[in-house]
Amino acid sequence: MGCGRFCHLPSTKLLRRLGNMADDETRSRRSWPKNPKVLSGMLRRLSPALRTAGVEVDFDRDKTRNRNKTILIRELRSKAQS
């Protein structure tokens, strides 16, 4: 995704990046998130399964006056790497 081992972005930017990576067929599917709120909801529901697969998804608000929502996605270290 171009973020390395972690990615900390507003959901609008994350959806844009994912859209740039996906092909037209994938983006035209009914299951593709149409807006950032839908993407956040999908990630919230998938977060337990993603954690099992070694990816942690966290939701936060930035420190600006607007308190924009951000999503933090990071690769979890396996016990063998610790």
N, C-alpha and C. Protein backbone atom coordinates (compact mmCIF):
# COMPACT_ATOMS: atom_id res chain seq x y z
N MET A 1 0.82 -1.18 0.00
CA MET A 1 0.00 0.00 0.00
C MET A 1 0.87 1.25 0.00
N GLY A 2 2.14 1.07 -0.02
CA GLY A 2 3.03 2.20 -0.02
C GLY A 2 3.29 2.79 1.35
N CYS A 3 2.84 2.11 2.40
CA CYS A 3 3.01 2.63 3.76
C CYS A 3 4.06 1.87 4.54
N GLY A 4 4.57 0.78 4.04
CA GLY A 4 5.54 -0.01 4.79
C GLY A 4 4.85 -0.93 5.78
N ARG A 5 5.39 -1.00 7.00
CA ARG A 5 4.83 -1.89 8.02
C ARG A 5 3.64 -1.30 8.74
N PHE A 6 3.40 0.00 8.57
CA PHE A 6 2.21 0.60 9.15
C PHE A 6 1.71 1.72 8.26
N CYS A 7 0.45 2.06 8.43
CA CYS A 7 -0.18 3.09 7.63
C CYS A 7 -1.13 3.85 8.55
N HIS A 8 -1.01 5.17 8.63
CA HIS A 8 -1.85 5.99 9.49
C HIS A 8 -2.44 7.10 8.63
N LEU A 9 -3.68 6.90 8.18
CA LEU A 9 -4.29 7.82 7.22
C LEU A 9 -5.75 8.09 7.55
N PRO A 10 -6.27 9.23 7.13
CA PRO A 10 -7.72 9.42 7.19
C PRO A 10 -8.40 8.42 6.25
N SER A 11 -9.62 8.06 6.56
CA SER A 11 -10.30 7.04 5.76
C SER A 11 -10.50 7.50 4.31
N THR A 12 -10.63 8.79 4.07
CA THR A 12 -10.77 9.27 2.69
C THR A 12 -9.51 8.97 1.88
N LYS A 13 -8.34 9.22 2.45
CA LYS A 13 -7.09 8.95 1.75
C LYS A 13 -6.86 7.45 1.59
N LEU A 14 -7.22 6.68 2.61
CA LEU A 14 -7.06 5.23 2.52
C LEU A 14 -7.93 4.67 1.41
N LEU A 15 -9.17 5.11 1.33
CA LEU A 15 -10.06 4.65 0.27
C LEU A 15 -9.51 5.04 -1.10
N ARG A 16 -8.97 6.24 -1.22
CA ARG A 16 -8.38 6.69 -2.49
C ARG A 16 -7.18 5.82 -2.87
N ARG A 17 -6.32 5.51 -1.88
CA ARG A 17 -5.15 4.66 -2.18
C ARG A 17 -5.58 3.27 -2.60
N LEU A 18 -6.54 2.70 -1.90
CA LEU A 18 -7.03 1.37 -2.26
C LEU A 18 -7.65 1.40 -3.65
N GLY A 19 -8.37 2.46 -3.95
CA GLY A 19 -8.98 2.60 -5.28
C GLY A 19 -7.94 2.68 -6.38
N ASN A 20 -6.82 3.34 -6.09
CA ASN A 20 -5.74 3.42 -7.08
C ASN A 20 -5.07 2.08 -7.30
N MET A 21 -5.07 1.23 -6.28
CA MET A 21 -4.43 -0.08 -6.39
C MET A 21 -5.33 -1.12 -7.05
N ALA A 22 -6.64 -0.96 -6.92
CA ALA A 22 -7.58 -1.95 -7.44
C ALA A 22 -7.86 -1.70 -8.92
N ASP A 23 -8.22 -2.78 -9.61
CA ASP A 23 -8.57 -2.63 -11.02
C ASP A 23 -10.03 -2.18 -11.14
N ASP A 24 -10.44 -1.83 -12.36
CA ASP A 24 -11.79 -1.32 -12.59
C ASP A 24 -12.86 -2.33 -12.22
N GLU A 25 -12.62 -3.59 -12.51
CA GLU A 25 -13.59 -4.65 -12.21
C GLU A 25 -13.84 -4.73 -10.70
N THR A 26 -12.78 -4.67 -9.92
CA THR A 26 -12.90 -4.73 -8.46
C THR A 26 -13.65 -3.52 -7.93
N ARG A 27 -13.31 -2.34 -8.41
CA ARG A 27 -13.96 -1.12 -7.92
C ARG A 27 -15.43 -1.04 -8.32
N SER A 28 -15.82 -1.73 -9.38
CA SER A 28 -17.21 -1.67 -9.82
C SER A 28 -18.10 -2.70 -9.11
N ARG A 29 -17.52 -3.56 -8.30
CA ARG A 29 -18.32 -4.55 -7.57
C ARG A 29 -19.21 -3.86 -6.53
N ARG A 30 -20.33 -4.48 -6.24
CA ARG A 30 -21.25 -3.93 -5.24
C ARG A 30 -20.62 -3.92 -3.85
N SER A 31 -19.70 -4.82 -3.59
CA SER A 31 -19.08 -4.91 -2.27
C SER A 31 -17.98 -3.86 -2.04
N TRP A 32 -17.57 -3.14 -3.09
CA TRP A 32 -16.53 -2.12 -2.93
C TRP A 32 -17.10 -0.96 -2.13
N PRO A 33 -16.36 -0.47 -1.12
CA PRO A 33 -16.88 0.65 -0.33
C PRO A 33 -17.04 1.91 -1.18
N LYS A 34 -18.22 2.50 -1.11
CA LYS A 34 -18.52 3.68 -1.93
C LYS A 34 -18.07 4.98 -1.27
N ASN A 35 -17.87 4.96 0.06
CA ASN A 35 -17.43 6.17 0.74
C ASN A 35 -16.59 5.79 1.97
N PRO A 36 -15.89 6.73 2.56
CA PRO A 36 -14.99 6.44 3.68
C PRO A 36 -15.69 5.85 4.91
N LYS A 37 -16.93 6.24 5.16
CA LYS A 37 -17.67 5.71 6.31
C LYS A 37 -17.92 4.21 6.15
N VAL A 38 -18.25 3.80 4.94
CA VAL A 38 -18.47 2.37 4.66
C VAL A 38 -17.16 1.60 4.82
N LEU A 39 -16.05 2.17 4.34
CA LEU A 39 -14.74 1.53 4.49
C LEU A 39 -14.41 1.34 5.97
N SER A 40 -14.64 2.36 6.78
CA SER A 40 -14.36 2.25 8.22
C SER A 40 -15.19 1.15 8.85
N GLY A 41 -16.46 1.09 8.50
CA GLY A 41 -17.33 0.03 9.04
C GLY A 41 -16.86 -1.36 8.65
N MET A 42 -16.45 -1.50 7.40
CA MET A 42 -15.96 -2.80 6.93
C MET A 42 -14.70 -3.19 7.69
N LEU A 43 -13.79 -2.24 7.90
CA LEU A 43 -12.55 -2.54 8.63
C LEU A 43 -12.83 -2.87 10.09
N ARG A 44 -13.81 -2.20 10.69
CA ARG A 44 -14.18 -2.51 12.08
C ARG A 44 -14.68 -3.95 12.20
N ARG A 45 -15.53 -4.35 11.26
CA ARG A 45 -16.07 -5.71 11.30
C ARG A 45 -15.00 -6.76 10.99
N LEU A 46 -14.05 -6.41 10.14
CA LEU A 46 -12.99 -7.36 9.76
C LEU A 46 -11.81 -7.37 10.73
N SER A 47 -11.72 -6.41 11.63
CA SER A 47 -10.52 -6.29 12.47
C SER A 47 -10.19 -7.55 13.28
N PRO A 48 -11.16 -8.31 13.84
CA PRO A 48 -10.77 -9.54 14.54
C PRO A 48 -10.09 -10.55 13.60
N ALA A 49 -10.62 -10.70 12.40
CA ALA A 49 -10.02 -11.64 11.43
C ALA A 49 -8.66 -11.14 10.96
N LEU A 50 -8.54 -9.83 10.76
CA LEU A 50 -7.26 -9.27 10.34
C LEU A 50 -6.22 -9.43 11.44
N ARG A 51 -6.63 -9.26 12.70
CA ARG A 51 -5.69 -9.43 13.81
C ARG A 51 -5.16 -10.88 13.84
N THR A 52 -6.04 -11.83 13.59
CA THR A 52 -5.62 -13.24 13.52
C THR A 52 -4.62 -13.46 12.40
N ALA A 53 -4.76 -12.70 11.33
CA ALA A 53 -3.85 -12.81 10.18
C ALA A 53 -2.59 -11.97 10.35
N GLY A 54 -2.46 -11.28 11.49
CA GLY A 54 -1.24 -10.52 11.75
C GLY A 54 -1.30 -9.06 11.39
N VAL A 55 -2.51 -8.51 11.23
CA VAL A 55 -2.68 -7.10 10.89
C VAL A 55 -3.61 -6.47 11.92
N GLU A 56 -3.15 -5.39 12.54
CA GLU A 56 -3.98 -4.70 13.53
C GLU A 56 -4.56 -3.43 12.91
N VAL A 57 -5.84 -3.21 13.17
CA VAL A 57 -6.53 -2.02 12.68
C VAL A 57 -7.02 -1.25 13.89
N ASP A 58 -6.63 0.03 14.00
CA ASP A 58 -7.04 0.91 15.10
C ASP A 58 -7.67 2.15 14.52
N PHE A 59 -8.59 2.72 15.27
CA PHE A 59 -9.28 3.94 14.84
C PHE A 59 -8.98 5.03 15.85
N ASP A 60 -8.72 6.23 15.36
CA ASP A 60 -8.30 7.32 16.23
C ASP A 60 -8.81 8.64 15.65
N ARG A 61 -8.57 9.70 16.38
CA ARG A 61 -8.84 11.05 15.87
C ARG A 61 -7.54 11.83 15.95
N ASP A 62 -7.31 12.66 14.96
CA ASP A 62 -6.07 13.43 14.98
C ASP A 62 -6.18 14.60 15.97
N LYS A 63 -5.08 15.29 16.15
CA LYS A 63 -4.99 16.34 17.17
C LYS A 63 -5.42 17.72 16.67
N THR A 64 -5.85 17.82 15.42
CA THR A 64 -6.26 19.11 14.88
C THR A 64 -7.60 19.54 15.48
N ARG A 65 -7.95 20.76 15.23
CA ARG A 65 -9.21 21.30 15.76
C ARG A 65 -10.42 20.51 15.25
N ASN A 66 -10.35 20.04 14.02
CA ASN A 66 -11.46 19.29 13.43
C ASN A 66 -11.60 17.88 13.97
N ARG A 67 -10.52 17.36 14.60
CA ARG A 67 -10.53 16.00 15.16
C ARG A 67 -10.93 14.96 14.10
N ASN A 68 -10.28 15.03 12.95
CA ASN A 68 -10.56 14.10 11.86
C ASN A 68 -10.28 12.67 12.28
N LYS A 69 -11.11 11.76 11.82
CA LYS A 69 -10.91 10.34 12.11
C LYS A 69 -9.78 9.80 11.25
N THR A 70 -8.93 9.00 11.87
CA THR A 70 -7.85 8.35 11.13
C THR A 70 -7.87 6.86 11.42
N ILE A 71 -7.30 6.11 10.50
CA ILE A 71 -7.21 4.65 10.63
C ILE A 71 -5.74 4.29 10.65
N LEU A 72 -5.36 3.50 11.63
CA LEU A 72 -3.99 3.01 11.74
C LEU A 72 -4.01 1.52 11.43
N ILE A 73 -3.27 1.13 10.41
CA ILE A 73 -3.15 -0.28 10.03
C ILE A 73 -1.68 -0.63 10.17
N ARG A 74 -1.39 -1.67 10.95
CA ARG A 74 0.01 -2.05 11.11
C ARG A 74 0.14 -3.57 11.19
N GLU A 75 1.30 -4.00 10.77
CA GLU A 75 1.65 -5.42 10.79
C GLU A 75 2.07 -5.78 12.21
N LEU A 76 1.48 -6.83 12.75
CA LEU A 76 1.85 -7.30 14.09
C LEU A 76 3.09 -8.16 14.00
N ARG A 77 3.95 -8.05 14.98
CA ARG A 77 5.15 -8.90 15.02
C ARG A 77 4.76 -10.27 15.52
N SER A 78 5.26 -11.28 14.88
CA SER A 78 5.02 -12.63 15.37
C SER A 78 5.93 -12.90 16.56
N LYS A 79 5.58 -13.88 17.36
CA LYS A 79 6.38 -14.20 18.54
C LYS A 79 7.79 -14.65 18.17
N ALA A 80 7.94 -15.21 16.98
CA ALA A 80 9.27 -15.67 16.53
C ALA A 80 10.19 -14.49 16.25
N GLN A 81 9.61 -13.32 15.88
CA GLN A 81 10.42 -12.15 15.58
C GLN A 81 10.78 -11.35 16.82
N SER A 82 10.03 -11.53 17.92
CA SER A 82 10.25 -10.74 19.14
C SER A 82 11.55 -11.03 19.82
